[in-house]
Amino acid sequence: MAAAREAVGELGIAPVCQVMGLPRATYYRSLRPKQAPARGRRRPPRALSPEQRAEVLAVLHEPRFQDAAPAEVSAQLLDEGRYLCSERTLYRVLAENQEVRERRDQLRHPHHPVPQVHATKPNELWSWDITKLHGPAKWTYFYLYVVMDVFSRSVVGWLVAHRESAALAQKLLAQTCERQGIQPGQLTIHADRGTSMTSKPVALLMADLGVTKTHSRPHVSNDNPFSEAHFKTLKYRPDFPQRFGCLEDARGYCGDFFRWYNEEHHHAGLGLLTPHDVHHGLADARLAARATVLAAAFAAHPERFPHGPPKPQALPNAVWINNPARLASSHQAAQ
């Protein structure tokens, strides 16, 4: 760099930087005087000594000052003919000892644990929710209650009513449990935190039936994914009407839809089996029949299958709401 500075004196900055491949910013940076290493900051002469700060803290801890603001403490000390430090220093001393905080009662949102439930067979975990269906006029609705088995995706109970009611939800859940032959301790029912879901009649019913209940966290729609996905399938059907003319109209449409959904719809989350087959134990027979068809196709035309004999999609062994393994991996990825 010294040679470059000597050449600059003879030729100028631009030719030398171009020949040496040296950016001009680097050359100018070399001309700056070197700064002395930074030293530790000395304590200002006006600062209180450790003994004085301890004295201030002891005064602030006196019983008469325990509920007083630093301004009040400073004023009382001045009236007594005593001056320790400024009001701002009183705040500094308190902050150094982590004693400055909001004293008024503040709203604290409770911590809601992440619901983590799973099912390995039908009638082990249900999910239920309520959605609105547009009525014949603006601001009129019908309310669709749907109870779904999470493992099989089968709709095991539903009703359409003029209103959302805890009594109707209680009746629906009781009839569905009776129809499915639910035994005490067998079933967990998951729902969000709607008024009907968290109502006392529904809670008492589940306690009487020996059913465990879980709820989503507030304002977290992902905690009830199966019911939400089912409602999307319902409302994105090509023939789903914008409005229903009457309650009987809504019930008729939903009856046809749930029959199709349970018995004809091949669900992607079930290895393209129908909810009816999985819920009633027909999945193994269906998969065996598909395997036979695929084996025959491979024997007839093996050149069509470069990766070997094809196999039908398998049925999941377990279905989770908030799988802990997936939550842990997503948390690590976020970090």
Protein backbone atom coordinates (compact mmCIF):
# COMPACT_ATOMS: atom_id res chain seq x y z
CA MET A 1 0.00 0.00 0.00
CA ALA A 2 2.97 2.33 0.67
CA ALA A 3 4.23 1.72 -2.90
CA ALA A 4 0.79 2.58 -4.21
CA ARG A 5 0.81 5.89 -2.35
CA GLU A 6 4.23 6.76 -3.80
CA ALA A 7 3.04 5.91 -7.32
CA VAL A 8 -0.03 8.05 -6.83
CA GLY A 9 2.20 11.02 -6.22
CA GLU A 10 3.74 10.56 -9.66
CA LEU A 11 0.93 9.22 -11.84
CA GLY A 12 -2.33 10.04 -10.05
CA ILE A 13 -5.00 7.90 -8.33
CA ALA A 14 -6.91 6.48 -11.30
CA PRO A 15 -3.97 4.96 -13.30
CA VAL A 16 -2.40 3.36 -10.24
CA CYS A 17 -5.66 1.85 -8.95
CA GLN A 18 -6.40 0.48 -12.41
CA VAL A 19 -2.95 -1.11 -12.81
CA MET A 20 -2.87 -2.64 -9.33
CA GLY A 21 -6.49 -3.74 -9.41
CA LEU A 22 -7.10 -1.72 -6.26
CA PRO A 23 -10.50 -0.12 -5.57
CA ARG A 24 -10.34 3.57 -4.82
CA ALA A 25 -12.29 3.06 -1.58
CA THR A 26 -9.54 0.74 -0.32
CA TYR A 27 -6.86 3.33 -1.16
CA TYR A 28 -8.71 6.14 0.60
CA ARG A 29 -9.36 3.89 3.61
CA SER A 30 -5.60 3.35 3.91
CA LEU A 31 -5.08 7.11 4.25
CA ARG A 32 -7.20 7.33 7.42
CA PRO A 33 -5.21 7.60 10.64
CA LYS A 34 -5.31 4.51 12.75
CA GLN A 35 -7.51 4.87 15.82
CA ALA A 36 -6.20 3.96 19.22
CA PRO A 37 -7.82 0.91 20.78
CA ALA A 38 -10.92 1.70 22.81
CA ARG A 39 -10.44 1.83 26.53
CA GLY A 40 -12.86 1.03 29.27
CA ARG A 41 -15.27 3.85 30.03
CA ARG A 42 -14.40 5.74 33.17
CA ARG A 43 -17.08 6.33 35.76
CA PRO A 44 -18.44 9.89 35.50
CA PRO A 45 -17.44 12.05 38.48
CA ARG A 46 -21.10 12.85 39.22
CA ALA A 47 -22.12 9.18 39.47
CA LEU A 48 -23.04 7.76 42.84
CA SER A 49 -20.61 5.38 44.47
CA PRO A 50 -21.73 1.80 45.18
CA GLU A 51 -22.17 2.70 48.84
CA GLN A 52 -24.38 5.66 47.97
CA ARG A 53 -26.51 3.55 45.61
CA ALA A 54 -26.94 0.96 48.36
CA GLU A 55 -28.08 3.75 50.69
CA VAL A 56 -30.62 4.96 48.10
CA LEU A 57 -31.97 1.45 47.64
CA ALA A 58 -32.29 1.00 51.39
CA VAL A 59 -34.33 4.21 51.63
CA LEU A 60 -36.59 3.07 48.78
CA HIS A 61 -37.15 -0.20 50.65
CA GLU A 62 -38.41 1.58 53.75
CA PRO A 63 -42.04 0.59 54.54
CA ARG A 64 -43.31 4.14 54.04
CA PHE A 65 -41.95 4.21 50.48
CA GLN A 66 -42.91 0.69 49.36
CA ASP A 67 -46.01 1.90 47.47
CA ALA A 68 -44.72 5.35 46.51
CA ALA A 69 -43.44 6.57 43.16
CA PRO A 70 -39.88 7.97 42.92
CA ALA A 71 -41.32 11.48 42.52
CA GLU A 72 -43.19 11.09 45.81
CA VAL A 73 -40.06 9.71 47.51
CA SER A 74 -37.99 12.63 46.28
CA ALA A 75 -40.56 15.19 47.47
CA GLN A 76 -40.86 13.68 50.95
CA LEU A 77 -37.10 13.54 51.38
CA LEU A 78 -36.77 17.20 50.36
CA ASP A 79 -39.46 18.18 52.89
CA GLU A 80 -37.38 16.40 55.52
CA GLY A 81 -34.33 18.40 54.50
CA ARG A 82 -32.64 15.41 52.91
CA TYR A 83 -31.35 15.00 49.36
CA LEU A 84 -29.91 11.70 48.15
CA CYS A 85 -30.10 11.97 44.35
CA SER A 86 -32.31 13.09 41.53
CA GLU A 87 -35.66 11.52 40.72
CA ARG A 88 -34.19 10.01 37.55
CA THR A 89 -31.44 8.34 39.57
CA LEU A 90 -34.06 6.83 41.85
CA TYR A 91 -35.56 5.21 38.77
CA ARG A 92 -32.13 3.98 37.65
CA VAL A 93 -31.43 2.37 41.01
CA LEU A 94 -34.78 0.61 40.97
CA ALA A 95 -34.25 -0.56 37.37
CA GLU A 96 -30.83 -1.98 38.23
CA ASN A 97 -32.51 -4.18 40.83
CA GLN A 98 -35.44 -5.19 38.58
CA GLU A 99 -37.92 -3.32 40.77
CA VAL A 100 -39.60 -1.17 38.13
CA ARG A 101 -42.81 -2.63 36.77
CA GLU A 102 -46.47 -1.90 36.14
CA ARG A 103 -48.19 -2.11 39.53
CA ARG A 104 -51.75 -2.10 38.27
CA ASP A 105 -53.47 -5.37 37.49
CA GLN A 106 -52.98 -6.20 33.83
CA LEU A 107 -54.93 -8.63 31.67
CA ARG A 108 -52.96 -11.85 31.37
CA HIS A 109 -53.96 -14.26 28.65
CA PRO A 110 -53.88 -17.78 30.05
CA HIS A 111 -51.58 -20.30 28.44
CA HIS A 112 -53.57 -22.88 26.50
CA PRO A 113 -51.68 -26.11 25.83
CA VAL A 114 -51.52 -27.44 22.29
CA PRO A 115 -54.14 -30.23 21.92
CA GLN A 116 -52.38 -33.43 20.88
CA VAL A 117 -54.75 -36.33 20.28
CA HIS A 118 -54.67 -39.24 17.84
CA ALA A 119 -56.66 -42.24 16.71
CA THR A 120 -55.61 -45.67 15.44
CA LYS A 121 -59.09 -47.04 14.73
CA PRO A 122 -62.67 -45.80 14.20
CA ASN A 123 -64.73 -44.45 17.11
CA GLU A 124 -61.64 -43.47 19.05
CA LEU A 125 -61.52 -39.76 18.18
CA TRP A 126 -64.33 -37.57 16.85
CA SER A 127 -64.29 -33.96 15.72
CA TRP A 128 -67.40 -31.80 15.55
CA ASP A 129 -68.23 -28.26 14.52
CA ILE A 130 -71.07 -26.01 13.35
CA THR A 131 -71.18 -24.00 10.12
CA LYS A 132 -73.67 -21.55 8.66
CA LEU A 133 -75.68 -22.14 5.49
CA HIS A 134 -77.20 -19.09 3.78
CA GLY A 135 -80.97 -18.93 4.02
CA PRO A 136 -83.48 -17.54 1.50
CA ALA A 137 -82.95 -13.88 2.47
CA LYS A 138 -80.00 -11.75 3.45
CA TRP A 139 -78.80 -12.24 7.04
CA THR A 140 -80.77 -15.46 7.43
CA TYR A 141 -78.93 -18.71 8.10
CA PHE A 142 -79.39 -22.36 8.84
CA TYR A 143 -76.93 -24.08 11.15
CA LEU A 144 -75.32 -27.37 10.15
CA TYR A 145 -73.96 -29.54 12.98
CA VAL A 146 -71.52 -32.25 11.85
CA VAL A 147 -69.84 -34.98 13.92
CA MET A 148 -66.96 -36.72 12.10
CA ASP A 149 -64.81 -39.72 12.97
CA VAL A 150 -61.20 -38.50 12.59
CA PHE A 151 -59.65 -41.88 11.70
CA SER A 152 -62.20 -42.95 9.07
CA ARG A 153 -63.40 -39.43 8.07
CA SER A 154 -66.91 -40.83 8.22
CA VAL A 155 -69.71 -38.43 9.17
CA VAL A 156 -71.33 -40.28 12.06
CA GLY A 157 -73.92 -37.63 12.96
CA TRP A 158 -75.38 -34.39 11.62
CA LEU A 159 -78.40 -32.11 11.78
CA VAL A 160 -79.58 -28.80 10.32
CA ALA A 161 -81.46 -26.34 12.55
CA HIS A 162 -82.69 -22.76 12.61
CA ARG A 163 -80.31 -21.80 15.42
CA GLU A 164 -77.13 -22.76 17.22
CA SER A 165 -78.08 -24.30 20.53
CA ALA A 166 -76.28 -26.23 23.24
CA ALA A 167 -79.41 -28.33 23.76
CA LEU A 168 -79.43 -29.40 20.11
CA ALA A 169 -75.71 -30.21 20.25
CA GLN A 170 -76.29 -32.26 23.39
CA LYS A 171 -79.07 -34.22 21.72
CA LEU A 172 -77.04 -34.85 18.57
CA LEU A 173 -73.99 -36.09 20.48
CA ALA A 174 -76.09 -38.34 22.72
CA GLN A 175 -77.90 -39.95 19.77
CA THR A 176 -74.66 -40.39 17.81
CA CYS A 177 -72.89 -42.06 20.74
CA GLU A 178 -75.83 -44.41 21.23
CA ARG A 179 -76.00 -45.26 17.53
CA GLN A 180 -72.26 -46.00 17.39
CA GLY A 181 -72.30 -48.04 20.60
CA ILE A 182 -69.75 -45.89 22.40
CA GLN A 183 -68.57 -47.30 25.73
CA PRO A 184 -67.27 -45.21 28.66
CA GLY A 185 -63.58 -44.40 28.29
CA GLN A 186 -63.53 -45.29 24.59
CA LEU A 187 -63.95 -41.95 22.86
CA THR A 188 -62.37 -38.48 22.74
CA ILE A 189 -64.34 -35.65 21.13
CA HIS A 190 -62.46 -32.60 19.86
CA ALA A 191 -64.02 -29.22 19.05
CA ASP A 192 -63.19 -25.56 18.90
CA ARG A 193 -64.20 -23.05 21.57
CA GLY A 194 -67.63 -22.05 20.28
CA THR A 195 -70.39 -21.37 22.76
CA SER A 196 -72.13 -24.67 22.10
CA MET A 197 -68.88 -26.65 22.28
CA THR A 198 -67.90 -25.23 25.66
CA SER A 199 -71.42 -25.14 27.10
CA LYS A 200 -72.25 -26.76 30.43
CA PRO A 201 -74.94 -29.15 29.04
CA VAL A 202 -72.48 -30.62 26.53
CA ALA A 203 -69.77 -30.93 29.17
CA LEU A 204 -72.14 -32.72 31.56
CA LEU A 205 -73.30 -35.05 28.80
CA MET A 206 -69.74 -36.06 27.96
CA ALA A 207 -69.00 -36.64 31.64
CA ASP A 208 -72.08 -38.87 31.93
CA LEU A 209 -71.06 -40.85 28.82
CA GLY A 210 -67.46 -41.21 29.93
CA VAL A 211 -66.22 -39.26 26.90
CA THR A 212 -63.04 -37.19 27.03
CA LYS A 213 -63.31 -33.73 25.50
CA THR A 214 -60.55 -31.52 24.10
CA HIS A 215 -60.69 -28.02 22.63
CA SER A 216 -58.71 -25.95 20.18
CA ARG A 217 -56.63 -23.04 21.33
CA PRO A 218 -58.35 -19.66 20.98
CA HIS A 219 -58.05 -18.16 17.49
CA VAL A 220 -56.15 -21.20 16.13
CA SER A 221 -58.14 -22.78 13.29
CA ASN A 222 -55.45 -25.40 12.62
CA ASP A 223 -56.35 -27.15 15.86
CA ASN A 224 -59.58 -28.43 14.30
CA PRO A 225 -58.40 -29.28 10.77
CA PHE A 226 -60.64 -32.24 9.93
CA SER A 227 -63.93 -30.45 10.46
CA GLU A 228 -62.67 -27.37 8.63
CA ALA A 229 -61.50 -29.45 5.65
CA HIS A 230 -64.83 -31.28 5.57
CA PHE A 231 -66.79 -28.02 5.44
CA LYS A 232 -64.59 -26.87 2.56
CA THR A 233 -65.39 -30.09 0.66
CA LEU A 234 -69.08 -29.41 1.26
CA LYS A 235 -69.11 -25.79 0.17
CA TYR A 236 -66.81 -26.24 -2.85
CA ARG A 237 -69.05 -28.84 -4.46
CA PRO A 238 -70.17 -27.71 -7.95
CA ASP A 239 -73.84 -28.08 -7.04
CA PHE A 240 -73.63 -26.32 -3.66
CA PRO A 241 -76.28 -23.55 -3.80
CA GLN A 242 -75.59 -19.98 -2.81
CA ARG A 243 -78.79 -19.99 -0.74
CA PHE A 244 -81.23 -22.57 0.54
CA GLY A 245 -84.91 -21.85 0.14
CA CYS A 246 -86.03 -23.44 3.41
CA LEU A 247 -84.92 -25.74 6.18
CA GLU A 248 -86.19 -28.86 4.35
CA ASP A 249 -84.21 -27.82 1.29
CA ALA A 250 -80.99 -27.63 3.34
CA ARG A 251 -81.66 -30.97 5.02
CA GLY A 252 -82.32 -32.67 1.69
CA TYR A 253 -79.12 -31.39 0.15
CA CYS A 254 -77.03 -32.35 3.18
CA GLY A 255 -78.56 -35.83 3.25
CA ASP A 256 -77.50 -36.46 -0.35
CA PHE A 257 -74.07 -34.94 0.25
CA PHE A 258 -73.26 -37.03 3.34
CA ARG A 259 -74.36 -40.23 1.60
CA TRP A 260 -72.01 -39.42 -1.28
CA TYR A 261 -69.21 -38.36 1.06
CA ASN A 262 -69.37 -41.50 3.20
CA GLU A 263 -70.05 -44.15 0.55
CA GLU A 264 -68.73 -42.86 -2.80
CA HIS A 265 -66.05 -40.26 -2.12
CA HIS A 266 -62.54 -41.77 -2.31
CA HIS A 267 -60.64 -39.78 0.30
CA ALA A 268 -57.03 -38.82 -0.40
CA GLY A 269 -56.19 -39.09 3.30
CA LEU A 270 -57.44 -42.70 3.40
CA GLY A 271 -55.38 -44.15 0.58
CA LEU A 272 -58.28 -43.36 -1.80
CA LEU A 273 -60.70 -45.51 0.18
CA THR A 274 -64.17 -44.36 1.12
CA PRO A 275 -64.95 -43.35 4.71
CA HIS A 276 -67.61 -46.10 4.80
CA ASP A 277 -65.05 -48.81 4.00
CA VAL A 278 -62.62 -47.62 6.66
CA HIS A 279 -65.26 -47.05 9.33
CA HIS A 280 -66.83 -50.50 8.89
CA GLY A 281 -63.63 -52.53 8.61
CA LEU A 282 -63.69 -53.14 4.85
CA ALA A 283 -60.36 -51.44 4.12
CA ASP A 284 -58.18 -54.58 4.14
CA ALA A 285 -60.47 -56.38 1.69
CA ARG A 286 -60.52 -53.34 -0.63
CA LEU A 287 -56.74 -53.02 -0.58
CA ALA A 288 -56.26 -56.75 -1.21
CA ALA A 289 -58.58 -56.59 -4.22
CA ARG A 290 -56.69 -53.57 -5.58
CA ALA A 291 -53.38 -55.39 -5.08
CA THR A 292 -54.71 -58.31 -7.13
CA VAL A 293 -55.72 -56.00 -9.97
CA LEU A 294 -52.34 -54.26 -9.97
CA ALA A 295 -50.46 -57.59 -9.91
CA ALA A 296 -52.41 -58.76 -12.95
CA ALA A 297 -51.65 -55.50 -14.74
CA PHE A 298 -47.94 -55.89 -13.98
CA ALA A 299 -47.91 -59.50 -15.23
CA ALA A 300 -49.59 -58.46 -18.50
CA HIS A 301 -47.42 -55.39 -19.19
CA PRO A 302 -44.30 -55.25 -16.97
CA GLU A 303 -42.69 -52.71 -19.30
CA ARG A 304 -45.22 -50.13 -18.12
CA PHE A 305 -43.87 -50.27 -14.56
CA PRO A 306 -40.17 -49.35 -14.58
CA HIS A 307 -40.05 -49.17 -10.78
CA GLY A 308 -41.33 -52.69 -10.20
CA PRO A 309 -44.71 -54.14 -9.28
CA PRO A 310 -47.16 -51.40 -8.24
CA LYS A 311 -48.86 -51.42 -4.84
CA PRO A 312 -52.07 -49.74 -3.72
CA GLN A 313 -51.84 -46.77 -1.39
CA ALA A 314 -51.74 -47.85 2.23
CA LEU A 315 -54.16 -46.76 4.93
CA PRO A 316 -52.49 -44.59 7.60
CA ASN A 317 -51.81 -46.38 10.88
CA ALA A 318 -52.61 -43.32 13.00
CA VAL A 319 -54.22 -39.94 12.48
CA TRP A 320 -53.15 -36.99 14.64
CA ILE A 321 -54.40 -33.59 15.60
CA ASN A 322 -51.08 -31.76 16.14
CA ASN A 323 -48.59 -34.59 15.78
CA PRO A 324 -45.78 -33.92 18.32
CA ALA A 325 -43.08 -35.08 15.88
CA ARG A 326 -44.27 -32.67 13.20
CA LEU A 327 -44.59 -29.81 15.69
CA ALA A 328 -41.01 -30.41 16.87
CA SER A 329 -39.63 -30.43 13.31
CA SER A 330 -41.50 -27.24 12.37
CA HIS A 331 -40.23 -25.56 15.54
CA GLN A 332 -36.65 -26.50 14.70
CA ALA A 333 -37.08 -25.25 11.13
CA ALA A 334 -38.40 -21.93 12.44
CA GLN A 335 -35.32 -21.53 14.60
